[in-house]
Amino acid sequence: MIKKILLAICVVSLVSCDPSDDGDSGRTNNDFQYFPLTVNNSWDYDVTTGANSSSETLTVATVTGTEYTLSSNPATPVGFMSQILTGGELKAESGKLIGNGVIGFDLQGLNNFNVPITNGVLYDQNATSNEELFSVEGNNTQTVQTYDLDFNYTVKTKQLSPLSQMTVNGVTYQDIIHSQLIVNLSITTEFTIAGFTQDVPILQPADAIVVDNYWSKDVGLIKSDYELNYSLEDFSSLGVSLPVPQSANIQSEQTLTGYTIVN
């Protein structure tokens, strides 16, 4: 089953926003209360992907200065953002939430397709609308059946316009930061047709994964919308059958159902 890149598969969705939510274009404060990180603070989430649903709880496990780790129950969470938040160390610095760790991507037949993230900014309280917060590029080659697939990717985050309020599971939250995580992906491979071998793009550069995250002041992550969307080139007329699904459009949502904030 392909998960998370071509990429992904399963993880995070949609809720009602006040139509007047336009907020300010920037912020000038350095408190860290858009994801309160104190030991034993916890957040309960429902994760829904199509007809599948599950629940998970994230808890602040350790605090060392401005560095933090989170644990999950179950130990391996389904939510895409839960995986990121529990997959390494977090740091709160100058109004930013910063992640360090590895984003792992699963595709049928792939092994160890991991993207290391160093100082990846998940949100910035002082960023302006549409400001890019973080970007990293890389590549990975995987052999799937008889094909060597060359992946080129860019992982980036950016800040979007804040919202004055948002309603999630019947609860209205105030003062919302809206950030976005994007995985842009392209794939090429070698084809031999009529005796000629050449590199052929099977996926043109596209934003294959887009994750919209909403963080409420004094509460934390209240909602995360995940979408995987790609369409490979069709070579069936040449008698070529690709070893991965031709296309996918998968949406998932992770929504807050309860939380405990110590301070």
Protein backbone atom coordinates (compact mmCIF):
# COMPACT_ATOMS: atom_id res chain seq x y z
CA MET A 1 0.00 0.00 0.00
CA ILE A 2 1.51 3.29 -0.90
CA LYS A 3 1.69 5.78 1.94
CA LYS A 4 3.16 9.10 2.15
CA ILE A 5 4.95 10.15 -1.07
CA LEU A 6 3.95 9.42 -4.40
CA LEU A 7 4.30 9.49 -1.91
CA ALA A 8 2.48 9.33 1.16
CA ILE A 9 -0.65 7.70 1.99
CA CYS A 10 -2.68 8.48 4.86
CA VAL A 11 -2.64 11.21 7.15
CA VAL A 12 -4.80 14.56 7.80
CA SER A 13 -9.04 17.67 6.64
CA LEU A 14 -11.71 20.32 6.79
CA VAL A 15 -13.69 22.39 9.12
CA SER A 16 -15.72 25.55 9.04
CA CYS A 17 -14.03 28.94 9.18
CA ASP A 18 -15.64 32.27 9.99
CA PRO A 19 -16.09 33.91 6.55
CA SER A 20 -14.82 37.18 7.99
CA ASP A 21 -11.51 35.57 9.06
CA ASP A 22 -8.87 37.67 7.40
CA GLY A 23 -6.54 38.51 10.32
CA ASP A 24 -3.37 40.59 10.13
CA SER A 25 -0.55 40.05 7.66
CA GLY A 26 2.14 39.77 10.34
CA ARG A 27 2.87 39.44 14.06
CA THR A 28 5.39 40.95 16.43
CA ASN A 29 5.57 38.75 19.52
CA ASN A 30 7.85 36.00 20.72
CA ASP A 31 5.69 33.91 23.03
CA PHE A 32 5.51 30.20 22.26
CA GLN A 33 1.87 29.64 23.09
CA TYR A 34 0.66 28.54 19.67
CA PHE A 35 1.90 25.09 20.71
CA PRO A 36 2.31 25.15 24.52
CA LEU A 37 5.22 22.87 25.29
CA THR A 38 5.18 21.89 28.96
CA VAL A 39 5.70 18.34 30.24
CA ASN A 40 2.40 16.40 30.28
CA ASN A 41 0.58 18.82 28.00
CA SER A 42 -1.41 16.61 25.61
CA TRP A 43 -3.64 16.75 22.54
CA ASP A 44 -6.24 14.20 21.36
CA TYR A 45 -6.90 13.87 17.63
CA ASP A 46 -9.20 12.06 15.27
CA VAL A 47 -7.59 11.16 11.94
CA THR A 48 -9.89 10.42 9.01
CA THR A 49 -8.89 9.23 5.55
CA GLY A 50 -11.83 8.22 3.39
CA ALA A 51 -13.80 5.59 5.30
CA ASN A 52 -10.92 4.94 7.72
CA SER A 53 -10.66 6.70 11.05
CA SER A 54 -8.50 6.43 14.14
CA SER A 55 -7.65 8.33 17.31
CA GLU A 56 -4.30 9.26 18.81
CA THR A 57 -2.88 11.34 21.65
CA LEU A 58 0.31 13.40 21.61
CA THR A 59 2.02 14.26 24.91
CA VAL A 60 5.01 16.46 25.74
CA ALA A 61 7.51 13.91 27.04
CA THR A 62 10.67 15.93 27.78
CA VAL A 63 11.73 19.57 28.05
CA THR A 64 15.37 20.66 28.01
CA GLY A 65 15.69 24.42 27.80
CA THR A 66 13.94 25.37 24.57
CA GLU A 67 14.08 21.80 23.16
CA TYR A 68 11.20 19.36 23.43
CA THR A 69 10.16 15.83 22.51
CA LEU A 70 6.64 14.46 22.12
CA SER A 71 5.36 10.91 22.49
CA SER A 72 2.32 9.31 20.89
CA ASN A 73 -0.34 6.84 21.92
CA PRO A 74 -0.42 4.61 19.91
CA ALA A 75 3.36 4.61 19.61
CA THR A 76 3.17 4.87 15.79
CA PRO A 77 0.68 7.60 14.96
CA VAL A 78 -1.29 7.76 11.72
CA GLY A 79 -1.57 11.54 11.42
CA PHE A 80 1.03 13.04 9.13
CA MET A 81 1.65 15.98 11.46
CA SER A 82 1.65 13.64 14.47
CA GLN A 83 4.45 11.71 12.79
CA ILE A 84 6.42 14.92 12.21
CA LEU A 85 5.85 16.29 15.73
CA THR A 86 6.88 13.01 17.40
CA GLY A 87 9.61 12.04 14.91
CA GLY A 88 12.44 14.13 16.38
CA GLU A 89 13.20 17.14 18.53
CA LEU A 90 11.20 20.34 18.53
CA LYS A 91 12.56 23.74 19.42
CA ALA A 92 10.76 26.95 20.39
CA GLU A 93 12.80 30.00 19.44
CA SER A 94 11.97 33.64 18.68
CA GLY A 95 8.30 32.90 18.13
CA LYS A 96 9.01 29.92 15.86
CA LEU A 97 8.26 26.23 16.20
CA ILE A 98 11.21 24.37 14.68
CA GLY A 99 11.45 20.66 13.92
CA ASN A 100 14.55 18.46 13.62
CA GLY A 101 14.29 14.86 12.49
CA VAL A 102 13.40 12.75 9.49
CA ILE A 103 10.31 12.64 7.31
CA GLY A 104 9.92 9.07 6.08
CA PHE A 105 8.07 8.38 2.86
CA ASP A 106 6.57 5.02 1.96
CA LEU A 107 5.88 3.84 -1.55
CA GLN A 108 5.23 0.25 -2.48
CA GLY A 109 8.60 -1.38 -3.19
CA LEU A 110 10.68 1.48 -1.75
CA ASN A 111 13.06 1.19 1.17
CA ASN A 112 14.47 3.86 3.46
CA PHE A 113 13.21 6.84 1.51
CA ASN A 114 13.80 9.41 4.23
CA VAL A 115 14.22 13.17 4.08
CA PRO A 116 16.38 14.61 6.89
CA ILE A 117 15.06 17.91 8.22
CA THR A 118 17.32 20.31 10.11
CA ASN A 119 15.80 23.45 11.64
CA GLY A 120 12.59 23.11 9.67
CA VAL A 121 10.32 25.98 10.71
CA LEU A 122 6.71 24.80 11.13
CA TYR A 123 5.34 28.25 11.96
CA ASP A 124 6.61 31.72 12.79
CA GLN A 125 4.48 34.08 14.85
CA ASN A 126 6.24 37.08 13.30
CA ALA A 127 6.14 36.00 9.65
CA THR A 128 4.19 37.89 7.01
CA SER A 129 1.53 36.33 4.80
CA ASN A 130 2.98 34.04 2.08
CA GLU A 131 6.47 34.23 3.58
CA GLU A 132 8.58 31.11 2.99
CA LEU A 133 9.83 29.74 6.31
CA PHE A 134 12.00 26.79 5.29
CA SER A 135 13.11 24.89 2.20
CA VAL A 136 15.30 21.85 1.53
CA GLU A 137 16.01 20.03 -1.74
CA GLY A 138 17.26 16.52 -2.35
CA ASN A 139 17.07 13.40 -4.46
CA ASN A 140 16.68 9.69 -4.00
CA THR A 141 16.98 6.72 -6.36
CA GLN A 142 14.97 3.57 -5.76
CA THR A 143 14.69 0.37 -7.77
CA VAL A 144 11.10 -0.78 -8.14
CA GLN A 145 10.78 -4.04 -10.03
CA THR A 146 13.03 -3.44 -13.07
CA TYR A 147 12.85 0.36 -12.96
CA ASP A 148 15.35 2.76 -11.39
CA LEU A 149 13.18 5.66 -10.27
CA ASP A 150 14.96 8.98 -9.67
CA PHE A 151 13.07 11.21 -7.26
CA ASN A 152 13.85 14.92 -6.96
CA TYR A 153 12.04 16.72 -4.17
CA THR A 154 11.71 20.04 -2.43
CA VAL A 155 10.21 20.20 1.05
CA LYS A 156 9.20 23.68 2.15
CA THR A 157 6.98 25.47 4.63
CA LYS A 158 5.34 28.85 4.37
CA GLN A 159 3.08 31.09 6.41
CA LEU A 160 -0.37 32.02 5.13
CA SER A 161 -2.78 34.67 6.37
CA PRO A 162 -3.86 34.28 10.02
CA LEU A 163 -7.50 33.70 10.97
CA SER A 164 -9.35 35.41 13.77
CA GLN A 165 -11.19 32.19 14.64
CA MET A 166 -11.97 28.66 13.49
CA THR A 167 -14.51 26.05 14.58
CA VAL A 168 -13.28 22.46 14.88
CA ASN A 169 -15.53 19.64 16.11
CA GLY A 170 -18.03 22.15 17.48
CA VAL A 171 -15.45 24.19 19.42
CA THR A 172 -14.51 27.72 18.31
CA TYR A 173 -10.85 28.62 18.73
CA GLN A 174 -9.41 32.12 18.58
CA ASP A 175 -6.30 33.71 17.05
CA ILE A 176 -5.16 31.15 14.47
CA ILE A 177 -1.81 30.83 12.70
CA HIS A 178 -2.14 29.13 9.30
CA SER A 179 1.02 27.49 7.96
CA GLN A 180 1.57 25.10 5.09
CA LEU A 181 3.97 22.22 4.39
CA ILE A 182 4.55 21.35 0.73
CA VAL A 183 6.40 18.47 -0.92
CA ASN A 184 7.18 19.18 -4.58
CA LEU A 185 8.18 16.02 -6.44
CA SER A 186 9.38 14.95 -9.85
CA ILE A 187 10.31 11.44 -11.03
CA THR A 188 12.36 10.25 -13.99
CA THR A 189 13.49 6.83 -15.16
CA GLU A 190 15.33 5.25 -18.07
CA PHE A 191 13.27 3.67 -20.84
CA THR A 192 14.61 1.65 -23.76
CA ILE A 193 12.30 1.88 -26.73
CA ALA A 194 13.18 0.72 -30.25
CA GLY A 195 16.78 0.27 -29.13
CA PHE A 196 17.17 3.79 -27.76
CA THR A 197 17.68 4.43 -24.02
CA GLN A 198 16.93 7.81 -22.49
CA ASP A 199 15.83 9.47 -19.28
CA VAL A 200 12.11 10.05 -19.40
CA PRO A 201 10.04 12.10 -16.92
CA ILE A 202 7.21 10.03 -15.50
CA LEU A 203 6.09 12.76 -13.08
CA GLN A 204 6.57 16.39 -13.98
CA PRO A 205 7.46 18.68 -11.02
CA ALA A 206 4.29 19.07 -8.97
CA ASP A 207 3.18 19.76 -5.42
CA ALA A 208 2.39 16.13 -4.67
CA ILE A 209 1.72 16.71 -0.97
CA VAL A 210 0.18 19.81 0.59
CA VAL A 211 -0.54 19.99 4.32
CA ASP A 212 -2.43 22.96 5.80
CA ASN A 213 -1.88 23.40 9.54
CA TYR A 214 -3.88 25.58 11.93
CA TRP A 215 -2.44 26.55 15.34
CA SER A 216 -4.53 28.29 17.99
CA LYS A 217 -2.95 30.54 20.61
CA ASP A 218 -2.74 28.89 24.05
CA VAL A 219 -4.04 25.60 22.59
CA GLY A 220 -1.77 24.21 19.86
CA LEU A 221 -2.42 22.39 16.58
CA ILE A 222 -6.19 22.23 16.18
CA LYS A 223 -6.48 20.99 12.60
CA SER A 224 -4.31 19.63 9.82
CA ASP A 225 -5.55 19.03 6.26
CA TYR A 226 -3.47 16.66 4.16
CA GLU A 227 -3.76 16.06 0.41
CA LEU A 228 -1.77 13.73 -1.83
CA ASN A 229 -2.37 14.46 -5.50
CA TYR A 230 -0.32 13.26 -8.47
CA SER A 231 -0.74 11.91 -12.00
CA LEU A 232 2.02 10.03 -13.81
CA GLU A 233 2.68 10.17 -17.53
CA ASP A 234 0.80 7.48 -19.45
CA PHE A 235 3.09 5.18 -21.45
CA SER A 236 0.58 2.38 -21.98
CA SER A 237 0.46 3.07 -25.72
CA LEU A 238 4.16 2.15 -25.82
CA GLY A 239 3.58 -1.08 -23.96
CA VAL A 240 5.16 0.29 -20.78
CA SER A 241 3.46 -0.52 -17.47
CA LEU A 242 4.74 1.54 -14.53
CA PRO A 243 5.27 -0.24 -11.19
CA VAL A 244 3.24 2.30 -9.17
CA PRO A 245 -0.36 3.55 -9.37
CA GLN A 246 -0.92 5.87 -12.32
CA SER A 247 -2.54 8.56 -10.19
CA ALA A 248 -3.88 9.31 -6.73
CA ASN A 249 -5.96 11.94 -4.99
CA ILE A 250 -6.13 11.22 -1.28
CA GLN A 251 -7.34 13.62 1.38
CA SER A 252 -7.03 13.15 5.10
CA GLU A 253 -7.82 15.27 8.12
CA GLN A 254 -6.47 15.44 11.63
CA THR A 255 -8.73 17.34 14.02
CA LEU A 256 -8.45 18.17 17.70
CA THR A 257 -11.02 16.49 19.94
CA GLY A 258 -9.60 17.42 23.38
CA TYR A 259 -6.49 18.73 25.10
CA THR A 260 -4.81 19.25 28.46
CA ILE A 261 -2.63 22.33 28.92
CA VAL A 262 -0.77 22.49 32.24
CA ASN A 263 0.31 26.09 31.69
